């Protein structure tokens, strides 16, 4: 029987959902044991620790000094996160974290290379450490039907947020550039880099319709990839059509197209639909398949996290490059987004 990883979670603003729906009761529970939690709000952390039946750690240092803790799940803001990850690595702890990994390219690469040099594991949900179910199928179709190179790619999601300014990093245009793209579209950035290759240029558009934050609530990112493919990532906090977080992906290749449709959150027993359209020997070919929600892109691969730690698997260069590639793209569009916001405010 698989021996679970003893893990402490830091940051309950985003991490509470992970604790309650993935670690205590969810697909992470067979692979990871939630042993403790920590948050700057000590009252909240203590109350939740009692409810969960786990230890309340007052500080990250307490976690890092505890030899019983094997790994840390970090759900803290991305700015400066690499420095905190390095603290965890220095204490010999493995790390699970979330998108976006960091907003500083050298810092991101330094932390990832440190993990590799020390034989420690860093995983995050997007980009994921191993190919997800739909992308594996796309690769099979690419080969089976000789689809050729990707030509254009489109990724979109939406929800409706009625947010107000609260003084957090999400109010800061430099820390949260083109906010919907940075907070939701980051999944699309990781997806398209994995499917279309390295990105070399981007342009960002953003607008404010009614958000109460200083940052924008409607965003679109266009991307040019090294292989000539052009991509578009659109995300919005202002769409309320009954399908929150519905996600669509379309990639046109030289000789065919693939699609992915992720239903909205309120659909029970969600299945991810993928499709292929091409021509083979002059005959149209159309395929449609379904995969489980747990196997799709953007999900935490807790079983792979356990396996990598137990089998002492080093972080691979390809994974490091994909993570850093998302950070590089963030850096490219951040300056554009901040400049555009300044122009709109004068």
Protein backbone atom coordinates (compact mmCIF):
# COMPACT_ATOMS: atom_id res chain seq x y z
CA UNK A 1 0.00 0.00 0.00
CA UNK A 2 1.26 3.46 -0.90
CA UNK A 3 2.79 5.39 2.03
CA UNK A 4 1.28 8.86 2.11
CA UNK A 5 3.35 12.04 2.15
CA UNK A 6 3.03 14.02 5.39
CA UNK A 7 2.35 17.57 4.28
CA UNK A 8 1.71 20.96 5.90
CA UNK A 9 -0.30 23.58 4.03
CA UNK A 10 0.59 27.28 4.15
CA UNK A 11 -1.92 29.95 3.09
CA UNK A 12 -5.63 29.38 3.68
CA UNK A 13 -7.05 32.09 1.43
CA UNK A 14 -6.65 29.78 -1.56
CA UNK A 15 -5.42 26.72 0.29
CA UNK A 16 -8.57 26.09 2.31
CA UNK A 17 -10.37 24.78 -0.76
CA UNK A 18 -7.44 22.45 -1.50
CA UNK A 19 -7.38 21.19 2.09
CA UNK A 20 -11.11 20.47 2.23
CA UNK A 21 -11.78 19.21 -1.29
CA UNK A 22 -8.54 17.50 -2.30
CA UNK A 23 -6.55 16.49 0.79
CA UNK A 24 -9.06 15.69 3.52
CA UNK A 25 -11.65 14.27 1.16
CA UNK A 26 -10.69 14.12 -2.49
CA UNK A 27 -8.31 12.61 -5.00
CA UNK A 28 -5.27 13.77 -3.04
CA UNK A 29 -6.23 11.99 0.19
CA UNK A 30 -4.87 8.52 -0.76
CA UNK A 31 -1.48 10.03 -1.58
CA UNK A 32 -1.00 12.92 0.86
CA UNK A 33 -1.72 13.22 4.57
CA UNK A 34 -2.60 16.74 5.64
CA UNK A 35 -0.66 16.98 8.91
CA UNK A 36 -0.84 20.71 9.63
CA UNK A 37 -1.82 24.17 8.44
CA UNK A 38 -0.42 27.68 8.78
CA UNK A 39 -1.76 31.13 7.94
CA UNK A 40 -1.04 34.74 8.84
CA UNK A 41 -4.54 34.82 10.36
CA UNK A 42 -3.72 32.70 13.42
CA UNK A 43 -7.30 32.64 14.66
CA UNK A 44 -8.64 31.23 11.42
CA UNK A 45 -5.81 28.73 11.16
CA UNK A 46 -6.29 27.50 14.73
CA UNK A 47 -10.03 27.10 14.25
CA UNK A 48 -9.63 25.19 11.00
CA UNK A 49 -6.84 23.03 12.42
CA UNK A 50 -9.18 21.97 15.23
CA UNK A 51 -11.94 21.24 12.71
CA UNK A 52 -9.61 19.23 10.47
CA UNK A 53 -7.94 17.42 13.36
CA UNK A 54 -4.46 18.56 12.33
CA UNK A 55 -1.71 20.63 13.94
CA UNK A 56 -1.77 24.43 13.83
CA UNK A 57 1.68 25.83 13.05
CA UNK A 58 2.18 29.45 14.06
CA UNK A 59 4.91 30.11 11.48
CA UNK A 60 6.53 28.58 8.45
CA UNK A 61 9.71 28.15 10.49
CA UNK A 62 7.84 25.84 12.85
CA UNK A 63 6.92 23.67 9.89
CA UNK A 64 10.44 23.64 8.53
CA UNK A 65 11.86 22.58 11.90
CA UNK A 66 9.44 19.65 12.20
CA UNK A 67 11.18 16.47 10.95
CA UNK A 68 7.82 14.71 10.62
CA UNK A 69 6.78 17.04 7.77
CA UNK A 70 8.04 15.83 4.40
CA UNK A 71 6.48 18.46 2.14
CA UNK A 72 4.94 21.91 2.15
CA UNK A 73 1.97 23.04 0.04
CA UNK A 74 2.37 26.77 -0.59
CA UNK A 75 -0.75 28.80 -1.38
CA UNK A 76 0.71 32.27 -0.99
CA UNK A 77 0.86 35.15 -3.53
CA UNK A 78 3.21 34.52 -6.47
CA UNK A 79 5.39 37.60 -5.97
CA UNK A 80 8.43 36.47 -3.98
CA UNK A 81 7.19 32.88 -3.71
CA UNK A 82 10.47 31.48 -5.07
CA UNK A 83 12.29 32.86 -2.02
CA UNK A 84 9.89 31.00 0.30
CA UNK A 85 10.28 27.85 -1.79
CA UNK A 86 14.05 28.10 -1.34
CA UNK A 87 13.53 28.25 2.44
CA UNK A 88 11.53 25.01 2.21
CA UNK A 89 14.16 23.36 0.04
CA UNK A 90 16.94 24.43 2.42
CA UNK A 91 15.07 22.59 5.18
CA UNK A 92 14.84 19.47 3.01
CA UNK A 93 11.11 19.80 2.30
CA UNK A 94 9.47 19.00 -1.01
CA UNK A 95 7.04 21.58 -2.39
CA UNK A 96 3.64 21.58 -4.03
CA UNK A 97 2.35 24.97 -5.14
CA UNK A 98 -0.03 26.63 -7.56
CA UNK A 99 -0.08 28.79 -10.65
CA UNK A 100 1.46 31.21 -11.41
CA UNK A 101 4.71 29.88 -9.97
CA UNK A 102 6.43 33.26 -9.56
CA UNK A 103 6.62 36.59 -11.40
CA UNK A 104 10.42 36.86 -11.52
CA UNK A 105 12.27 34.76 -14.10
CA UNK A 106 15.73 34.47 -12.45
CA UNK A 107 14.16 33.74 -9.06
CA UNK A 108 11.92 31.06 -10.54
CA UNK A 109 14.75 29.31 -12.32
CA UNK A 110 17.03 29.54 -9.29
CA UNK A 111 14.48 27.81 -7.04
CA UNK A 112 13.80 25.08 -9.59
CA UNK A 113 17.51 24.42 -10.17
CA UNK A 114 18.03 24.34 -6.40
CA UNK A 115 15.41 21.60 -6.13
CA UNK A 116 17.09 19.58 -8.83
CA UNK A 117 20.54 19.95 -7.27
CA UNK A 118 19.23 18.78 -3.88
CA UNK A 119 17.13 15.93 -5.22
CA UNK A 120 13.88 17.51 -4.02
CA UNK A 121 10.52 17.74 -5.75
CA UNK A 122 8.65 20.87 -6.85
CA UNK A 123 5.29 20.35 -8.51
CA UNK A 124 2.42 22.68 -9.36
CA UNK A 125 -0.95 22.27 -10.95
CA UNK A 126 -0.29 24.34 -14.07
CA UNK A 127 1.89 23.44 -15.82
CA UNK A 128 1.58 19.91 -14.46
CA UNK A 129 4.64 17.68 -14.12
CA UNK A 130 3.36 14.96 -16.45
CA UNK A 131 1.10 15.23 -19.52
CA UNK A 132 -2.60 15.16 -18.72
CA UNK A 133 -5.11 12.84 -20.37
CA UNK A 134 -6.36 15.13 -23.10
CA UNK A 135 -2.89 16.28 -24.13
CA UNK A 136 -1.65 12.70 -24.38
CA UNK A 137 -4.58 11.99 -26.69
CA UNK A 138 -3.81 15.09 -28.76
CA UNK A 139 -0.23 13.84 -29.21
CA UNK A 140 -1.53 10.48 -30.35
CA UNK A 141 -3.82 12.14 -32.89
CA UNK A 142 -0.96 14.34 -34.12
CA UNK A 143 1.01 11.21 -34.97
CA UNK A 144 -1.83 8.99 -36.17
CA UNK A 145 -3.27 11.55 -38.57
CA UNK A 146 -0.08 13.50 -39.42
CA UNK A 147 -1.69 16.77 -38.31
CA UNK A 148 1.52 18.74 -38.83
CA UNK A 149 2.44 21.92 -37.00
CA UNK A 150 -0.01 23.97 -34.93
CA UNK A 151 -1.10 27.08 -36.83
CA UNK A 152 -3.45 28.87 -34.44
CA UNK A 153 -4.71 28.25 -30.92
CA UNK A 154 -7.58 29.71 -28.89
CA UNK A 155 -8.23 29.36 -25.14
CA UNK A 156 -11.08 31.00 -23.20
CA UNK A 157 -12.74 31.00 -19.80
CA UNK A 158 -15.00 33.30 -17.80
CA UNK A 159 -16.82 33.81 -14.52
CA UNK A 160 -18.47 36.70 -12.71
CA UNK A 161 -16.65 38.29 -9.80
CA UNK A 162 -18.14 41.18 -7.83
CA UNK A 163 -14.93 42.12 -6.09
CA UNK A 164 -13.97 45.15 -4.04
CA UNK A 165 -10.54 46.52 -3.26
CA UNK A 166 -9.07 44.79 -0.22
CA UNK A 167 -5.43 45.86 -0.27
CA UNK A 168 -4.13 42.46 -1.36
CA UNK A 169 -1.76 41.74 -4.24
CA UNK A 170 -4.81 41.40 -6.51
CA UNK A 171 -5.26 45.19 -6.28
CA UNK A 172 -1.74 45.89 -7.57
CA UNK A 173 -1.40 46.14 -11.39
CA UNK A 174 2.28 45.23 -11.20
CA UNK A 175 1.70 42.14 -9.07
CA UNK A 176 -1.53 41.18 -10.88
CA UNK A 177 -1.17 42.42 -14.48
CA UNK A 178 -4.21 42.10 -16.76
CA UNK A 179 -5.87 40.45 -13.78
CA UNK A 180 -8.18 37.92 -15.50
CA UNK A 181 -5.32 36.71 -17.69
CA UNK A 182 -2.97 36.50 -14.71
CA UNK A 183 -5.43 34.80 -12.35
CA UNK A 184 -7.43 32.58 -14.75
CA UNK A 185 -5.74 32.77 -18.13
CA UNK A 186 -2.50 31.49 -16.63
CA UNK A 187 -3.92 27.99 -17.19
CA UNK A 188 -4.23 28.82 -20.87
CA UNK A 189 -0.66 30.11 -21.00
CA UNK A 190 0.62 26.83 -19.58
CA UNK A 191 -1.64 24.77 -21.87
CA UNK A 192 -0.57 26.55 -25.05
CA UNK A 193 3.13 26.48 -24.20
CA UNK A 194 2.87 22.73 -23.63
CA UNK A 195 0.96 22.14 -26.88
CA UNK A 196 2.44 24.80 -29.16
CA UNK A 197 5.99 25.20 -27.86
CA UNK A 198 7.99 28.16 -26.56
CA UNK A 199 6.43 31.62 -26.81
CA UNK A 200 8.54 34.50 -28.14
CA UNK A 201 6.20 37.49 -28.29
CA UNK A 202 2.88 38.65 -26.85
CA UNK A 203 0.44 41.56 -26.81
CA UNK A 204 -2.15 42.25 -24.13
CA UNK A 205 -5.51 44.01 -24.15
CA UNK A 206 -7.52 44.73 -21.03
CA UNK A 207 -10.55 46.71 -19.92
CA UNK A 208 -12.56 47.52 -16.81
CA UNK A 209 -16.32 47.13 -16.93
CA UNK A 210 -17.34 47.41 -13.30
CA UNK A 211 -14.77 45.86 -10.97
CA UNK A 212 -14.23 47.46 -7.59
CA UNK A 213 -10.51 46.72 -7.74
CA UNK A 214 -7.90 49.03 -9.26
CA UNK A 215 -6.95 46.15 -11.57
CA UNK A 216 -8.93 45.24 -14.69
CA UNK A 217 -11.64 42.59 -15.04
CA UNK A 218 -11.55 41.76 -18.77
CA UNK A 219 -8.40 40.62 -20.55
CA UNK A 220 -7.02 39.06 -23.71
CA UNK A 221 -3.48 37.97 -24.57
CA UNK A 222 -2.22 37.27 -28.08
CA UNK A 223 0.93 35.16 -28.37
CA UNK A 224 3.39 34.30 -31.15
CA UNK A 225 5.17 31.01 -30.70
CA UNK A 226 8.63 30.03 -31.86
CA UNK A 227 7.21 27.68 -34.50
CA UNK A 228 5.02 30.42 -36.03
CA UNK A 229 1.78 29.42 -34.34
CA UNK A 230 -0.40 32.31 -33.15
CA UNK A 231 -2.45 32.00 -29.97
CA UNK A 232 -5.16 33.91 -28.13
CA UNK A 233 -5.98 33.60 -24.42
CA UNK A 234 -9.16 35.34 -23.25
CA UNK A 235 -10.41 35.54 -19.66
CA UNK A 236 -13.07 37.65 -17.99
CA UNK A 237 -14.52 38.23 -14.53
CA UNK A 238 -17.65 39.90 -15.94
CA UNK A 239 -19.56 37.11 -17.71
CA UNK A 240 -22.52 35.56 -15.93
CA UNK A 241 -24.25 33.19 -18.34
CA UNK A 242 -24.77 30.27 -15.97
CA UNK A 243 -21.58 28.45 -16.95
CA UNK A 244 -18.86 29.69 -14.55
CA UNK A 245 -15.34 28.59 -15.43
CA UNK A 246 -16.42 26.81 -18.59
CA UNK A 247 -13.21 26.39 -20.53
CA UNK A 248 -12.73 25.95 -24.26
CA UNK A 249 -9.61 25.16 -26.24
CA UNK A 250 -9.23 24.96 -30.02
CA UNK A 251 -6.03 24.26 -31.94
CA UNK A 252 -5.85 24.31 -35.73
CA UNK A 253 -2.99 22.32 -37.21
CA UNK A 254 -1.84 22.24 -40.83
CA UNK A 255 -4.00 19.16 -41.47
CA UNK A 256 -6.70 19.13 -38.83
CA UNK A 257 -8.09 20.59 -35.61
CA UNK A 258 -8.51 19.45 -32.02
CA UNK A 259 -10.83 20.79 -29.34
CA UNK A 260 -11.34 20.49 -25.60
CA UNK A 261 -14.42 21.56 -23.65
CA UNK A 262 -14.44 21.65 -19.85
CA UNK A 263 -17.97 22.10 -18.44
CA UNK A 264 -18.79 24.73 -15.85
CA UNK A 265 -18.31 24.03 -12.15
CA UNK A 266 -21.98 23.40 -11.39
CA UNK A 267 -22.21 20.35 -13.68
CA UNK A 268 -22.31 17.11 -11.62
CA UNK A 269 -19.93 14.30 -12.59
CA UNK A 270 -18.09 16.53 -15.02
CA UNK A 271 -16.56 14.86 -18.06
CA UNK A 272 -14.09 16.62 -20.31
CA UNK A 273 -14.97 16.40 -24.00
CA UNK A 274 -12.22 16.34 -26.59
CA UNK A 275 -12.56 16.22 -30.35
CA UNK A 276 -10.67 15.80 -33.61
CA UNK A 277 -11.55 16.89 -37.12
CA UNK A 278 -9.30 16.06 -40.08
CA UNK A 279 -9.20 14.37 -43.49
CA UNK A 280 -7.66 10.98 -44.17
CA UNK A 281 -7.39 9.68 -47.75
CA UNK A 282 -9.89 12.31 -48.82
CA UNK A 283 -12.46 11.23 -46.23
CA UNK A 284 -13.48 13.50 -43.34
CA UNK A 285 -12.60 12.08 -39.92
CA UNK A 286 -14.41 13.25 -36.78
CA UNK A 287 -13.66 11.89 -33.30
CA UNK A 288 -15.21 12.72 -29.93
CA UNK A 289 -14.10 11.28 -26.60
CA UNK A 290 -14.53 11.96 -22.89
CA UNK A 291 -12.00 11.90 -20.07
CA UNK A 292 -12.42 12.12 -16.32
CA UNK A 293 -12.21 15.48 -14.58
CA UNK A 294 -9.39 14.23 -12.33
CA UNK A 295 -7.12 13.60 -15.29
CA UNK A 296 -7.39 16.96 -17.04
CA UNK A 297 -4.90 19.82 -17.31
CA UNK A 298 -4.79 22.17 -14.33
CA UNK A 299 -5.43 19.46 -11.75
CA UNK A 300 -2.99 18.66 -8.95
CA UNK A 301 -1.19 15.38 -9.63
CA UNK A 302 -0.97 14.17 -6.02
CA UNK A 303 -0.22 10.57 -6.98
CA UNK A 304 2.66 11.73 -9.18
CA UNK A 305 3.87 13.97 -6.34
CA UNK A 306 3.95 10.97 -4.03
CA UNK A 307 5.70 8.81 -6.60
CA UNK A 308 8.34 11.43 -7.39
CA UNK A 309 9.18 11.80 -3.69
CA UNK A 310 9.18 8.10 -2.84
CA UNK A 311 11.18 7.14 -5.93
CA UNK A 312 13.51 10.15 -5.61
CA UNK A 313 12.78 11.37 -9.13
CA UNK A 314 14.66 14.54 -10.04
CA UNK A 315 12.81 17.45 -11.59
CA UNK A 316 13.41 17.35 -15.34
CA UNK A 317 14.82 20.15 -17.49
CA UNK A 318 11.76 20.04 -19.72
CA UNK A 319 9.48 20.73 -16.76
CA UNK A 320 11.72 23.51 -15.49
CA UNK A 321 11.64 25.14 -18.93
CA UNK A 322 7.85 24.96 -19.15
CA UNK A 323 7.42 26.56 -15.73
CA UNK A 324 9.97 29.28 -16.51
CA UNK A 325 8.35 29.80 -19.92
CA UNK A 326 5.07 30.81 -18.25
CA UNK A 327 6.96 33.26 -16.01
CA UNK A 328 8.77 34.73 -19.01
CA UNK A 329 5.45 35.35 -20.75
CA UNK A 330 4.06 36.99 -17.59
CA UNK A 331 7.04 39.33 -17.59
CA UNK A 332 6.45 40.22 -21.23
CA UNK A 333 2.83 41.22 -20.77
CA UNK A 334 3.18 42.79 -17.31
CA UNK A 335 4.93 45.93 -18.55
CA UNK A 336 2.40 46.29 -21.37
CA UNK A 337 -0.52 45.88 -18.98
CA UNK A 338 0.78 48.37 -16.44
CA UNK A 339 1.56 50.94 -19.17
CA UNK A 340 -1.90 50.52 -20.71
CA UNK A 341 -3.59 50.89 -17.31
CA UNK A 342 -1.66 54.12 -16.73
CA UNK A 343 -2.75 55.42 -20.14
CA UNK A 344 -6.38 54.62 -19.41
CA UNK A 345 -6.28 56.38 -16.04
CA UNK A 346 -4.88 59.73 -17.26
